[in-house]
PDB file of N, CA and C in Angstrom:
ATOM      1  N   MET A   1       5.987-140.564 184.165  1.00  0.00           N
ATOM      2  CA  MET A   1       7.042-139.701 183.656  1.00  0.00           C
ATOM      3  C   MET A   1       7.843-140.196 182.556  1.00  0.00           C
ATOM      4  N   ALA A   2       7.987-139.331 181.579  1.00  0.00           N
ATOM      5  CA  ALA A   2       8.492-139.837 180.218  1.00  0.00           C
ATOM      6  C   ALA A   2      10.197-139.947 180.300  1.00  0.00           C
ATOM      7  N   PRO A   3      10.616-140.868 179.573  1.00  0.00           N
ATOM      8  CA  PRO A   3      12.116-140.941 179.560  1.00  0.00           C
ATOM      9  C   PRO A   3      12.719-139.539 179.032  1.00  0.00           C
ATOM     10  N   ALA A   4      13.900-139.342 179.517  1.00  0.00           N
ATOM     11  CA  ALA A   4      14.679-138.086 179.164  1.00  0.00           C
ATOM     12  C   ALA A   4      15.951-138.604 178.440  1.00  0.00           C
ATOM     13  N   GLY A   5      16.261-137.892 177.390  1.00  0.00           N
ATOM     14  CA  GLY A   5      17.424-138.121 176.605  1.00  0.00           C
ATOM     15  C   GLY A   5      18.658-137.593 177.229  1.00  0.00           C
ATOM     16  N   VAL A   6      19.683-138.218 177.016  1.00  0.00           N
ATOM     17  CA  VAL A   6      21.041-137.731 177.591  1.00  0.00           C
ATOM     18  C   VAL A   6      22.126-137.913 176.566  1.00  0.00           C
ATOM     19  N   ALA A   7      23.088-137.165 176.702  1.00  0.00           N
ATOM     20  CA  ALA A   7      24.190-137.210 175.759  1.00  0.00           C
ATOM     21  C   ALA A   7      25.030-138.529 175.725  1.00  0.00           C
ATOM     22  N   ASP A   8      25.804-138.792 174.705  1.00  0.00           N
ATOM     23  CA  ASP A   8      26.701-140.013 174.793  1.00  0.00           C
ATOM     24  C   ASP A   8      28.135-139.378 175.189  1.00  0.00           C
ATOM     25  N   ARG A   9      28.099-138.243 175.794  1.00  0.00           N
ATOM     26  CA  ARG A   9      29.419-137.755 176.335  1.00  0.00           C
ATOM     27  C   ARG A   9      29.268-137.317 177.754  1.00  0.00           C
ATOM     28  N   GLY A  10      30.334-137.238 178.546  1.00  0.00           N
ATOM     29  CA  GLY A  10      30.163-136.953 179.832  1.00  0.00           C
ATOM     30  C   GLY A  10      31.410-136.640 180.493  1.00  0.00           C
ATOM     31  N   VAL A  11      31.514-136.818 181.893  1.00  0.00           N
ATOM     32  CA  VAL A  11      32.839-136.522 182.675  1.00  0.00           C
ATOM     33  C   VAL A  11      32.928-137.717 183.552  1.00  0.00           C
ATOM     34  N   VAL A  12      34.167-138.167 183.803  1.00  0.00           N
ATOM     35  CA  VAL A  12      34.626-139.154 184.783  1.00  0.00           C
ATOM     36  C   VAL A  12      34.419-138.502 186.132  1.00  0.00           C
ATOM     37  N   VAL A  13      33.708-139.280 187.106  1.00  0.00           N
ATOM     38  CA  VAL A  13      33.570-138.691 188.419  1.00  0.00           C
ATOM     39  C   VAL A  13      34.378-139.451 189.386  1.00  0.00           C
ATOM     40  N   SER A  14      34.817-140.692 189.083  1.00  0.00           N
ATOM     41  CA  SER A  14      35.655-141.540 189.882  1.00  0.00           C
ATOM     42  C   SER A  14      36.089-142.701 188.962  1.00  0.00           C
ATOM     43  N   TYR A  15      37.157-143.396 189.308  1.00  0.00           N
ATOM     44  CA  TYR A  15      37.555-144.423 188.528  1.00  0.00           C
ATOM     45  C   TYR A  15      38.436-145.518 189.348  1.00  0.00           C
ATOM     46  N   ALA A  16      38.591-146.642 188.796  1.00  0.00           N
ATOM     47  CA  ALA A  16      39.624-147.570 189.482  1.00  0.00           C
ATOM     48  C   ALA A  16      40.364-148.267 188.283  1.00  0.00           C
ATOM     49  N   VAL A  17      41.618-148.642 188.448  1.00  0.00           N
ATOM     50  CA  VAL A  17      42.379-149.487 187.652  1.00  0.00           C
ATOM     51  C   VAL A  17      42.479-150.915 188.187  1.00  0.00           C
ATOM     52  N   THR A  18      42.028-151.887 187.329  1.00  0.00           N
ATOM     53  CA  THR A  18      41.969-153.216 187.759  1.00  0.00           C
ATOM     54  C   THR A  18      43.162-153.835 187.177  1.00  0.00           C
ATOM     55  N   ARG A  19      44.052-154.569 187.978  1.00  0.00           N
ATOM     56  CA  ARG A  19      45.235-155.211 187.559  1.00  0.00           C
ATOM     57  C   ARG A  19      45.134-156.755 187.736  1.00  0.00           C
ATOM     58  N   VAL A  20      44.107-157.265 188.470  1.00  0.00           N
ATOM     59  CA  VAL A  20      43.857-158.559 188.710  1.00  0.00           C
ATOM     60  C   VAL A  20      42.526-158.858 187.876  1.00  0.00           C
ATOM     61  N   PRO A  21      42.620-159.938 187.060  1.00  0.00           N
ATOM     62  CA  PRO A  21      41.359-160.273 186.305  1.00  0.00           C
ATOM     63  C   PRO A  21      40.339-160.743 187.026  1.00  0.00           C
ATOM     64  N   PRO A  22      39.085-160.050 186.888  1.00  0.00           N
ATOM     65  CA  PRO A  22      37.945-160.718 187.514  1.00  0.00           C
ATOM     66  C   PRO A  22      37.693-162.085 187.042  1.00  0.00           C
ATOM     67  N   HIS A  23      37.077-163.021 187.810  1.00  0.00           N
ATOM     68  CA  HIS A  23      36.830-164.386 187.298  1.00  0.00           C
ATOM     69  C   HIS A  23      35.872-164.316 186.228  1.00  0.00           C
ATOM     70  N   GLY A  24      36.213-164.847 185.065  1.00  0.00           N
ATOM     71  CA  GLY A  24      35.299-165.015 183.891  1.00  0.00           C
ATOM     72  C   GLY A  24      35.510-163.749 182.936  1.00  0.00           C
ATOM     73  N   SER A  25      36.219-162.883 183.275  1.00  0.00           N
ATOM     74  CA  SER A  25      36.348-161.754 182.442  1.00  0.00           C
ATOM     75  C   SER A  25      37.143-161.941 181.230  1.00  0.00           C
ATOM     76  N   ALA A  26      36.598-161.253 180.128  1.00  0.00           N
ATOM     77  CA  ALA A  26      37.396-161.315 178.847  1.00  0.00           C
ATOM     78  C   ALA A  26      38.245-160.132 178.524  1.00  0.00           C
ATOM     79  N   VAL A  27      38.037-159.107 179.495  1.00  0.00           N
ATOM     80  CA  VAL A  27      38.809-157.929 179.325  1.00  0.00           C
ATOM     81  C   VAL A  27      40.243-158.083 179.743  1.00  0.00           C
ATOM     82  N   PRO A  28      41.137-157.823 178.966  1.00  0.00           N
ATOM     83  CA  PRO A  28      42.647-158.011 179.345  1.00  0.00           C
ATOM     84  C   PRO A  28      43.080-156.888 180.421  1.00  0.00           C
ATOM     85  N   VAL A  29      43.748-157.414 181.368  1.00  0.00           N
ATOM     86  CA  VAL A  29      44.151-156.448 182.514  1.00  0.00           C
ATOM     87  C   VAL A  29      45.569-155.811 182.046  1.00  0.00           C
ATOM     88  N   PRO A  30      45.960-154.684 182.529  1.00  0.00           N
ATOM     89  CA  PRO A  30      45.160-153.797 183.467  1.00  0.00           C
ATOM     90  C   PRO A  30      44.011-153.079 182.527  1.00  0.00           C
ATOM     91  N   PHE A  31      42.991-152.730 183.152  1.00  0.00           N
ATOM     92  CA  PHE A  31      41.985-151.892 182.389  1.00  0.00           C
ATOM     93  C   PHE A  31      41.268-151.086 183.649  1.00  0.00           C
ATOM     94  N   ALA A  32      40.619-149.850 183.158  1.00  0.00           N
ATOM     95  CA  ALA A  32      40.068-148.944 183.871  1.00  0.00           C
ATOM     96  C   ALA A  32      38.556-149.042 183.879  1.00  0.00           C
ATOM     97  N   TRP A  33      37.897-148.907 184.870  1.00  0.00           N
ATOM     98  CA  TRP A  33      36.409-148.861 185.047  1.00  0.00           C
ATOM     99  C   TRP A  33      36.099-147.487 185.746  1.00  0.00           C
ATOM    100  N   ALA A  34      35.107-146.788 185.112  1.00  0.00           N
ATOM    101  CA  ALA A  34      34.858-145.445 185.618  1.00  0.00           C
ATOM    102  C   ALA A  34      33.444-145.281 185.956  1.00  0.00           C
ATOM    103  N   TRP A  35      33.186-144.395 186.917  1.00  0.00           N
ATOM    104  CA  TRP A  35      31.800-143.732 186.970  1.00  0.00           C
ATOM    105  C   TRP A  35      31.617-142.452 186.191  1.00  0.00           C
ATOM    106  N   ILE A  36      30.723-142.521 185.219  1.00  0.00           N
ATOM    107  CA  ILE A  36      30.486-141.480 184.290  1.00  0.00           C
ATOM    108  C   ILE A  36      29.290-140.785 184.423  1.00  0.00           C
ATOM    109  N   ARG A  37      29.277-139.605 184.510  1.00  0.00           N
ATOM    110  CA  ARG A  37      28.086-138.742 184.595  1.00  0.00           C
ATOM    111  C   ARG A  37      27.906-138.097 183.216  1.00  0.00           C
ATOM    112  N   LEU A  38      26.889-138.655 182.346  1.00  0.00           N
ATOM    113  CA  LEU A  38      26.582-138.101 181.109  1.00  0.00           C
ATOM    114  C   LEU A  38      26.007-136.736 181.153  1.00  0.00           C
ATOM    115  N   ASP A  39      26.358-135.923 179.981  1.00  0.00           N
ATOM    116  CA  ASP A  39      25.793-134.648 180.055  1.00  0.00           C
ATOM    117  C   ASP A  39      24.285-134.821 179.939  1.00  0.00           C
ATOM    118  N   GLY A  40      23.651-133.928 180.810  1.00  0.00           N
ATOM    119  CA  GLY A  40      22.126-134.041 180.889  1.00  0.00           C
ATOM    120  C   GLY A  40      21.647-135.037 181.972  1.00  0.00           C
ATOM    121  N   ALA A  41      22.413-135.738 182.506  1.00  0.00           N
ATOM    122  CA  ALA A  41      22.111-136.691 183.504  1.00  0.00           C
ATOM    123  C   ALA A  41      22.668-136.213 185.016  1.00  0.00           C
ATOM    124  N   ASP A  42      21.887-136.603 185.967  1.00  0.00           N
ATOM    125  CA  ASP A  42      22.234-136.252 187.442  1.00  0.00           C
ATOM    126  C   ASP A  42      23.121-137.316 188.102  1.00  0.00           C
ATOM    127  N   VAL A  43      22.791-138.540 187.574  1.00  0.00           N
ATOM    128  CA  VAL A  43      23.529-139.729 188.378  1.00  0.00           C
ATOM    129  C   VAL A  43      24.373-140.377 187.475  1.00  0.00           C
ATOM    130  N   PRO A  44      25.614-140.657 187.896  1.00  0.00           N
ATOM    131  CA  PRO A  44      26.736-141.304 187.026  1.00  0.00           C
ATOM    132  C   PRO A  44      26.386-142.854 186.975  1.00  0.00           C
ATOM    133  N   PHE A  45      26.979-143.471 186.122  1.00  0.00           N
ATOM    134  CA  PHE A  45      26.858-144.893 185.850  1.00  0.00           C
ATOM    135  C   PHE A  45      28.265-145.476 185.483  1.00  0.00           C
ATOM    136  N   PRO A  46      28.506-146.757 185.831  1.00  0.00           N
ATOM    137  CA  PRO A  46      29.865-147.383 185.659  1.00  0.00           C
ATOM    138  C   PRO A  46      29.931-147.887 184.285  1.00  0.00           C
ATOM    139  N   HIS A  47      31.237-147.784 183.567  1.00  0.00           N
ATOM    140  CA  HIS A  47      31.517-148.434 182.311  1.00  0.00           C
ATOM    141  C   HIS A  47      33.030-148.488 182.120  1.00  0.00           C
ATOM    142  N   LEU A  48      33.390-149.180 181.195  1.00  0.00           N
ATOM    143  CA  LEU A  48      34.904-149.327 180.863  1.00  0.00           C
ATOM    144  C   LEU A  48      35.390-148.148 180.194  1.00  0.00           C
ATOM    145  N   LEU A  49      36.747-147.832 180.491  1.00  0.00           N
ATOM    146  CA  LEU A  49      37.371-146.782 179.723  1.00  0.00           C
ATOM    147  C   LEU A  49      38.435-147.352 178.739  1.00  0.00           C
ATOM    148  N   GLY A  50      38.557-146.802 177.627  1.00  0.00           N
ATOM    149  CA  GLY A  50      39.563-147.203 176.678  1.00  0.00           C
ATOM    150  C   GLY A  50      40.171-146.038 175.875  1.00  0.00           C
ATOM    151  N   ASP A  51      41.073-146.444 174.921  1.00  0.00           N
ATOM    152  CA  ASP A  51      41.637-145.606 173.933  1.00  0.00           C
ATOM    153  C   ASP A  51      42.392-144.520 174.584  1.00  0.00           C
ATOM    154  N   LEU A  52      43.020-144.718 175.699  1.00  0.00           N
ATOM    155  CA  LEU A  52      43.990-143.817 176.369  1.00  0.00           C
ATOM    156  C   LEU A  52      44.771-144.495 177.435  1.00  0.00           C
ATOM    157  N   PRO A  53      46.090-144.082 177.650  1.00  0.00           N
ATOM    158  CA  PRO A  53      46.915-144.696 178.709  1.00  0.00           C
ATOM    159  C   PRO A  53      46.333-144.526 180.141  1.00  0.00           C
ATOM    160  N   LEU A  54      46.434-145.598 180.862  1.00  0.00           N
ATOM    161  CA  LEU A  54      45.923-145.421 182.245  1.00  0.00           C
ATOM    162  C   LEU A  54      46.365-144.264 182.907  1.00  0.00           C
ATOM    163  N   ASP A  55      47.598-143.861 182.856  1.00  0.00           N
ATOM    164  CA  ASP A  55      48.124-142.760 183.668  1.00  0.00           C
ATOM    165  C   ASP A  55      47.509-141.439 183.172  1.00  0.00           C
ATOM    166  N   GLU A  56      46.678-141.371 182.099  1.00  0.00           N
ATOM    167  CA  GLU A  56      46.066-140.107 181.638  1.00  0.00           C
ATOM    168  C   GLU A  56      44.623-139.939 182.263  1.00  0.00           C
ATOM    169  N   ILE A  57      44.198-141.043 182.867  1.00  0.00           N
ATOM    170  CA  ILE A  57      42.843-140.999 183.330  1.00  0.00           C
ATOM    171  C   ILE A  57      42.865-140.123 184.552  1.00  0.00           C
ATOM    172  N   ARG A  58      41.860-139.356 184.848  1.00  0.00           N
ATOM    173  CA  ARG A  58      41.720-138.409 185.980  1.00  0.00           C
ATOM    174  C   ARG A  58      40.209-138.146 186.157  1.00  0.00           C
ATOM    175  N   VAL A  59      39.927-137.722 187.447  1.00  0.00           N
ATOM    176  CA  VAL A  59      38.498-137.144 187.711  1.00  0.00           C
ATOM    177  C   VAL A  59      38.446-135.935 186.811  1.00  0.00           C
ATOM    178  N   GLY A  60      37.345-135.776 186.333  1.00  0.00           N
ATOM    179  CA  GLY A  60      37.038-134.536 185.503  1.00  0.00           C
ATOM    180  C   GLY A  60      37.390-134.684 183.956  1.00  0.00           C
ATOM    181  N   LEU A  61      37.973-135.849 183.612  1.00  0.00           N
ATOM    182  CA  LEU A  61      38.261-136.080 182.260  1.00  0.00           C
ATOM    183  C   LEU A  61      36.951-136.231 181.425  1.00  0.00           C
ATOM    184  N   ARG A  62      36.953-135.450 180.309  1.00  0.00           N
ATOM    185  CA  ARG A  62      35.675-135.674 179.463  1.00  0.00           C
ATOM    186  C   ARG A  62      35.833-136.856 178.489  1.00  0.00           C
ATOM    187  N   VAL A  63      34.749-137.514 178.318  1.00  0.00           N
ATOM    188  CA  VAL A  63      34.732-138.822 177.640  1.00  0.00           C
ATOM    189  C   VAL A  63      33.494-138.843 176.738  1.00  0.00           C
ATOM    190  N   ARG A  64      33.622-139.664 175.821  1.00  0.00           N
ATOM    191  CA  ARG A  64      32.613-140.004 174.847  1.00  0.00           C
ATOM    192  C   ARG A  64      32.401-141.521 174.645  1.00  0.00           C
ATOM    193  N   ALA A  65      31.244-141.965 174.211  1.00  0.00           N
ATOM    194  CA  ALA A  65      30.882-143.292 174.040  1.00  0.00           C
ATOM    195  C   ALA A  65      31.628-143.722 172.779  1.00  0.00           C
ATOM    196  N   VAL A  66      32.258-144.891 172.694  1.00  0.00           N
ATOM    197  CA  VAL A  66      32.633-145.539 171.521  1.00  0.00           C
ATOM    198  C   VAL A  66      31.659-146.724 171.253  1.00  0.00           C
ATOM    199  N   TRP A  67      30.910-146.640 170.356  1.00  0.00           N
ATOM    200  CA  TRP A  67      29.820-147.528 169.971  1.00  0.00           C
ATOM    201  C   TRP A  67      30.369-148.640 169.114  1.00  0.00           C
ATOM    202  N   VAL A  68      29.503-149.744 169.188  1.00  0.00           N
ATOM    203  CA  VAL A  68      29.775-150.843 168.276  1.00  0.00           C
ATOM    204  C   VAL A  68      29.436-150.564 166.876  1.00  0.00           C
ATOM    205  N   ALA A  69      29.790-151.410 165.929  1.00  0.00           N
ATOM    206  CA  ALA A  69      29.462-151.111 164.442  1.00  0.00           C
ATOM    207  C   ALA A  69      27.930-151.060 164.305  1.00  0.00           C
ATOM    208  N   ALA A  70      27.557-150.167 163.325  1.00  0.00           N
ATOM    209  CA  ALA A  70      26.029-149.944 163.236  1.00  0.00           C
ATOM    210  C   ALA A  70      25.244-151.198 163.028  1.00  0.00           C
ATOM    211  N   ALA A  71      25.839-152.255 162.368  1.00  0.00           N
ATOM    212  CA  ALA A  71      24.996-153.472 162.241  1.00  0.00           C
ATOM    213  C   ALA A  71      24.753-154.177 163.493  1.00  0.00           C
ATOM    214  N   GLU A  72      25.594-153.726 164.590  1.00  0.00           N
ATOM    215  CA  GLU A  72      25.531-154.509 165.865  1.00  0.00           C
ATOM    216  C   GLU A  72      24.714-153.722 166.878  1.00  0.00           C
ATOM    217  N   LEU A  73      24.368-152.453 166.606  1.00  0.00           N
ATOM    218  CA  LEU A  73      23.604-151.591 167.519  1.00  0.00           C
ATOM    219  C   LEU A  73      22.430-152.344 167.954  1.00  0.00           C
ATOM    220  N   ALA A  74      21.990-152.135 169.273  1.00  0.00           N
ATOM    221  CA  ALA A  74      20.761-152.747 169.764  1.00  0.00           C
ATOM    222  C   ALA A  74      20.394-151.789 171.085  1.00  0.00           C
ATOM    223  N   PRO A  75      19.252-151.763 171.564  1.00  0.00           N
ATOM    224  CA  PRO A  75      18.958-150.917 172.698  1.00  0.00           C
ATOM    225  C   PRO A  75      19.370-151.727 174.001  1.00  0.00           C
ATOM    226  N   THR A  76      20.690-151.969 174.014  1.00  0.00           N
ATOM    227  CA  THR A  76      21.226-152.544 175.241  1.00  0.00           C
ATOM    228  C   THR A  76      22.608-151.822 175.621  1.00  0.00           C
ATOM    229  N   TRP A  77      23.008-152.173 176.939  1.00  0.00           N
ATOM    230  CA  TRP A  77      24.199-151.589 177.390  1.00  0.00           C
ATOM    231  C   TRP A  77      25.519-151.901 176.540  1.00  0.00           C
ATOM    232  N   ALA A  78      25.415-153.110 175.960  1.00  0.00           N
ATOM    233  CA  ALA A  78      26.457-153.705 175.057  1.00  0.00           C
ATOM    234  C   ALA A  78      26.825-152.965 173.783  1.00  0.00           C
ATOM    235  N   SER A  79      25.869-152.065 173.459  1.00  0.00           N
ATOM    236  CA  SER A  79      26.041-151.338 172.185  1.00  0.00           C
ATOM    237  C   SER A  79      27.187-150.278 172.506  1.00  0.00           C
ATOM    238  N   ILE A  80      27.605-150.027 173.659  1.00  0.00           N
ATOM    239  CA  ILE A  80      28.800-149.091 173.992  1.00  0.00           C
ATOM    240  C   ILE A  80      29.927-150.066 174.210  1.00  0.00           C
ATOM    241  N   ARG A  81      31.057-149.928 173.407  1.00  0.00           N
ATOM    242  CA  ARG A  81      32.217-150.767 173.665  1.00  0.00           C
ATOM    243  C   ARG A  81      32.908-150.299 174.986  1.00  0.00           C
ATOM    244  N   HIS A  82      33.137-148.964 175.079  1.00  0.00           N
ATOM    245  CA  HIS A  82      33.745-148.340 176.129  1.00  0.00           C
ATOM    246  C   HIS A  82      33.601-146.838 176.026  1.00  0.00           C
ATOM    247  N   PHE A  83      34.089-146.146 176.940  1.00  0.00           N
ATOM    248  CA  PHE A  83      34.155-144.679 176.756  1.00  0.00           C
ATOM    249  C   PHE A  83      35.609-144.205 176.601  1.00  0.00           C
ATOM    250  N   GLY A  84      35.913-143.382 175.600  1.00  0.00           N
ATOM    251  CA  GLY A  84      37.211-142.867 175.391  1.00  0.00           C
ATOM    252  C   GLY A  84      37.318-141.361 175.521  1.00  0.00           C
ATOM    253  N   PRO A  85      38.494-140.778 175.551  1.00  0.00           N
ATOM    254  CA  PRO A  85      38.617-139.353 175.597  1.00  0.00           C
ATOM    255  C   PRO A  85      37.902-138.603 174.657  1.00  0.00           C
ATOM    256  N   GLU A  86      37.279-137.579 175.111  1.00  0.00           N
ATOM    257  CA  GLU A  86      36.705-136.616 173.963  1.00  0.00           C
ATOM    258  C   GLU A  86      37.671-135.716 173.491  1.00  0.00           C
ATOM    259  N   ARG A  87      37.749-135.841 172.086  1.00  0.00           N
ATOM    260  CA  ARG A  87      38.773-135.047 171.379  1.00  0.00           C
ATOM    261  C   ARG A  87      38.193-134.254 170.217  1.00  0.00           C
TER     262      ARG A  87
END
């Protein structure tokens, strides 16, 4: 089966706000981690949320990937800094 392309935009299907830092984490608290179902995908995956106040996060929120600088892009998970609101 060939790989299928998906969009870099999608919808939050669930989320959690973390107020206690996980051991070894460099992400400042509080932060939000969401399950995001990308457009064209059937299964959501987890990633960080950013660029919006925590009290504006909700299930159904449309989000888009915020990518690293072009010179840093690689075929890895780390090429997405976080997901922010689709505007």
